[in-house]
Amino acid sequence: MALELNDTNFEELVLKSDKPVLVDFWAEWCGPCRMVGPIVEELAADFEGRAVVGKVNVDQHQGIAMEYGIRNIPTLLIFKGGQIVDKQVGVAPKPALAQKLEAAL
């Protein structure tokens, strides 16, 4: 299951992680986000133990979204060593997202 990321745990779970991290920036009212949501959950299960998968609700945590320049949702960022190493804006199929995350391992 994807982790719920917020202002208090983002640094610890994403920036200080020793594993690659996929972060899904989303909102409840966003139709495309609802399409990506189940894919993100599947990736969380598929990569369990090898990578961290989390979600940031941009309505509840606008500061994080602003910090990373999120203008469109869904936006998925892949972090490694606290740095962004890949990005996907908009809906993408599961194999494409899995390939991006696999490349960060």
C-alpha atoms as a PDB file:
ATOM      1  CA  MET A   1       0.000   0.000   0.000  1.00  0.00           C
ATOM      2  CA  ALA A   2       1.256   3.451  -0.914  1.00  0.00           C
ATOM      3  CA  LEU A   3       2.292   5.624   2.018  1.00  0.00           C
ATOM      4  CA  GLU A   4       0.417   8.836   2.767  1.00  0.00           C
ATOM      5  CA  LEU A   5       3.114  11.490   2.605  1.00  0.00           C
ATOM      6  CA  ASN A   6       2.719  14.829   4.386  1.00  0.00           C
ATOM      7  CA  ASP A   7       4.620  17.826   5.721  1.00  0.00           C
ATOM      8  CA  THR A   8       5.865  15.933   8.782  1.00  0.00           C
ATOM      9  CA  ASN A   9       7.076  12.692   7.158  1.00  0.00           C
ATOM     10  CA  PHE A  10       8.131  13.760   3.632  1.00  0.00           C
ATOM     11  CA  GLU A  11      11.765  14.490   4.482  1.00  0.00           C
ATOM     12  CA  GLU A  12      12.233  11.256   6.442  1.00  0.00           C
ATOM     13  CA  LEU A  13      10.397   8.907   4.043  1.00  0.00           C
ATOM     14  CA  VAL A  14      11.426  10.487   0.731  1.00  0.00           C
ATOM     15  CA  LEU A  15      14.531  12.648   1.001  1.00  0.00           C
ATOM     16  CA  LYS A  16      16.371  10.438   3.515  1.00  0.00           C
ATOM     17  CA  SER A  17      15.290   7.088   2.063  1.00  0.00           C
ATOM     18  CA  ASP A  18      18.026   4.626   1.165  1.00  0.00           C
ATOM     19  CA  LYS A  19      15.717   3.224  -1.542  1.00  0.00           C
ATOM     20  CA  PRO A  20      14.258   4.891  -4.633  1.00  0.00           C
ATOM     21  CA  VAL A  21      10.936   6.625  -3.941  1.00  0.00           C
ATOM     22  CA  LEU A  22       7.972   7.115  -6.286  1.00  0.00           C
ATOM     23  CA  VAL A  23       5.798  10.038  -5.195  1.00  0.00           C
ATOM     24  CA  ASP A  24       2.332  10.512  -6.700  1.00  0.00           C
ATOM     25  CA  PHE A  25       1.058  14.111  -6.440  1.00  0.00           C
ATOM     26  CA  TRP A  26      -2.735  13.909  -6.684  1.00  0.00           C
ATOM     27  CA  ALA A  27      -6.094  15.334  -5.562  1.00  0.00           C
ATOM     28  CA  GLU A  28      -9.492  13.759  -4.896  1.00  0.00           C
ATOM     29  CA  TRP A  29     -11.285  15.869  -7.537  1.00  0.00           C
ATOM     30  CA  CYS A  30      -8.801  14.945 -10.292  1.00  0.00           C
ATOM     31  CA  GLY A  31     -10.181  12.373 -12.756  1.00  0.00           C
ATOM     32  CA  PRO A  32      -6.819  11.325 -14.221  1.00  0.00           C
ATOM     33  CA  CYS A  33      -5.483  10.958 -10.658  1.00  0.00           C
ATOM     34  CA  ARG A  34      -8.203   8.387 -10.006  1.00  0.00           C
ATOM     35  CA  MET A  35      -6.962   6.478 -13.067  1.00  0.00           C
ATOM     36  CA  VAL A  36      -3.343   6.491 -11.837  1.00  0.00           C
ATOM     37  CA  GLY A  37      -4.217   5.703  -8.202  1.00  0.00           C
ATOM     38  CA  PRO A  38      -4.760   1.939  -8.632  1.00  0.00           C
ATOM     39  CA  ILE A  39      -1.555   1.696 -10.696  1.00  0.00           C
ATOM     40  CA  VAL A  40       0.391   3.414  -7.910  1.00  0.00           C
ATOM     41  CA  GLU A  41      -1.063   0.958  -5.379  1.00  0.00           C
ATOM     42  CA  GLU A  42      -0.040  -1.995  -7.594  1.00  0.00           C
ATOM     43  CA  LEU A  43       3.481  -0.581  -7.915  1.00  0.00           C
ATOM     44  CA  ALA A  44       3.659  -0.248  -4.123  1.00  0.00           C
ATOM     45  CA  ALA A  45       2.941  -3.982  -3.850  1.00  0.00           C
ATOM     46  CA  ASP A  46       5.207  -4.955  -6.767  1.00  0.00           C
ATOM     47  CA  PHE A  47       8.206  -3.007  -5.446  1.00  0.00           C
ATOM     48  CA  GLU A  48       7.686  -3.682  -1.730  1.00  0.00           C
ATOM     49  CA  GLY A  49      11.053  -3.985  -0.017  1.00  0.00           C
ATOM     50  CA  ARG A  50      12.907  -2.579  -3.038  1.00  0.00           C
ATOM     51  CA  ALA A  51      11.410   0.904  -3.326  1.00  0.00           C
ATOM     52  CA  VAL A  52       9.107   3.248  -1.431  1.00  0.00           C
ATOM     53  CA  VAL A  53       5.838   4.364  -3.018  1.00  0.00           C
ATOM     54  CA  GLY A  54       3.866   7.262  -1.587  1.00  0.00           C
ATOM     55  CA  LYS A  55       1.193   9.818  -2.360  1.00  0.00           C
ATOM     56  CA  VAL A  56       0.913  13.536  -1.634  1.00  0.00           C
ATOM     57  CA  ASN A  57      -2.565  15.092  -1.645  1.00  0.00           C
ATOM     58  CA  VAL A  58      -1.823  18.516  -3.169  1.00  0.00           C
ATOM     59  CA  ASP A  59      -4.914  20.098  -1.602  1.00  0.00           C
ATOM     60  CA  GLN A  60      -3.828  19.132   1.904  1.00  0.00           C
ATOM     61  CA  HIS A  61      -0.083  19.635   1.425  1.00  0.00           C
ATOM     62  CA  GLN A  62       0.311  22.585  -0.921  1.00  0.00           C
ATOM     63  CA  GLY A  63       3.746  23.440   0.467  1.00  0.00           C
ATOM     64  CA  ILE A  64       5.286  20.203  -0.790  1.00  0.00           C
ATOM     65  CA  ALA A  65       3.627  20.623  -4.190  1.00  0.00           C
ATOM     66  CA  MET A  66       4.897  24.204  -4.464  1.00  0.00           C
ATOM     67  CA  GLU A  67       8.407  23.194  -3.416  1.00  0.00           C
ATOM     68  CA  TYR A  68       8.616  20.752  -6.337  1.00  0.00           C
ATOM     69  CA  GLY A  69       6.850  22.998  -8.855  1.00  0.00           C
ATOM     70  CA  ILE A  70       3.830  20.755  -9.286  1.00  0.00           C
ATOM     71  CA  ARG A  71       1.504  22.566 -11.702  1.00  0.00           C
ATOM     72  CA  ASN A  72      -0.365  19.635 -13.227  1.00  0.00           C
ATOM     73  CA  ILE A  73      -1.670  16.507 -11.579  1.00  0.00           C
ATOM     74  CA  PRO A  74      -1.153  13.684 -11.554  1.00  0.00           C
ATOM     75  CA  THR A  75       2.596  14.217 -11.446  1.00  0.00           C
ATOM     76  CA  LEU A  76       4.805  11.344 -10.377  1.00  0.00           C
ATOM     77  CA  LEU A  77       8.359  12.064  -9.261  1.00  0.00           C
ATOM     78  CA  ILE A  78      11.024   9.454  -8.657  1.00  0.00           C
ATOM     79  CA  PHE A  79      13.606  10.334  -6.029  1.00  0.00           C
ATOM     80  CA  LYS A  80      16.928   8.639  -5.392  1.00  0.00           C
ATOM     81  CA  GLY A  81      19.316   9.866  -2.738  1.00  0.00           C
ATOM     82  CA  GLY A  82      16.995  12.801  -2.034  1.00  0.00           C
ATOM     83  CA  GLN A  83      17.160  14.034  -5.641  1.00  0.00           C
ATOM     84  CA  ILE A  84      14.582  13.845  -8.434  1.00  0.00           C
ATOM     85  CA  VAL A  85      15.844  11.369 -11.037  1.00  0.00           C
ATOM     86  CA  ASP A  86      12.704  10.972 -13.180  1.00  0.00           C
ATOM     87  CA  LYS A  87       9.300  12.563 -13.709  1.00  0.00           C
ATOM     88  CA  GLN A  88       5.965  11.644 -15.286  1.00  0.00           C
ATOM     89  CA  VAL A  89       3.267  14.269 -15.779  1.00  0.00           C
ATOM     90  CA  GLY A  90      -0.180  12.912 -16.583  1.00  0.00           C
ATOM     91  CA  VAL A  91      -1.488   9.386 -16.901  1.00  0.00           C
ATOM     92  CA  ALA A  92       0.963   6.673 -17.928  1.00  0.00           C
ATOM     93  CA  PRO A  93       0.522   2.897 -18.217  1.00  0.00           C
ATOM     94  CA  LYS A  94       1.812   0.697 -15.420  1.00  0.00           C
ATOM     95  CA  PRO A  95       4.671  -0.815 -17.488  1.00  0.00           C
ATOM     96  CA  ALA A  96       6.051   2.672 -18.242  1.00  0.00           C
ATOM     97  CA  LEU A  97       5.979   3.673 -14.575  1.00  0.00           C
ATOM     98  CA  ALA A  98       7.441   0.334 -13.483  1.00  0.00           C
ATOM     99  CA  GLN A  99      10.286   0.784 -15.990  1.00  0.00           C
ATOM    100  CA  LYS A 100      11.078   4.252 -14.592  1.00  0.00           C
ATOM    101  CA  LEU A 101      11.114   2.936 -11.029  1.00  0.00           C
ATOM    102  CA  GLU A 102      13.158  -0.123 -12.032  1.00  0.00           C
ATOM    103  CA  ALA A 103      15.750   2.175 -13.652  1.00  0.00           C
ATOM    104  CA  ALA A 104      16.184   3.967 -10.312  1.00  0.00           C
ATOM    105  CA  LEU A 105      16.950   0.761  -8.394  1.00  0.00           C
END
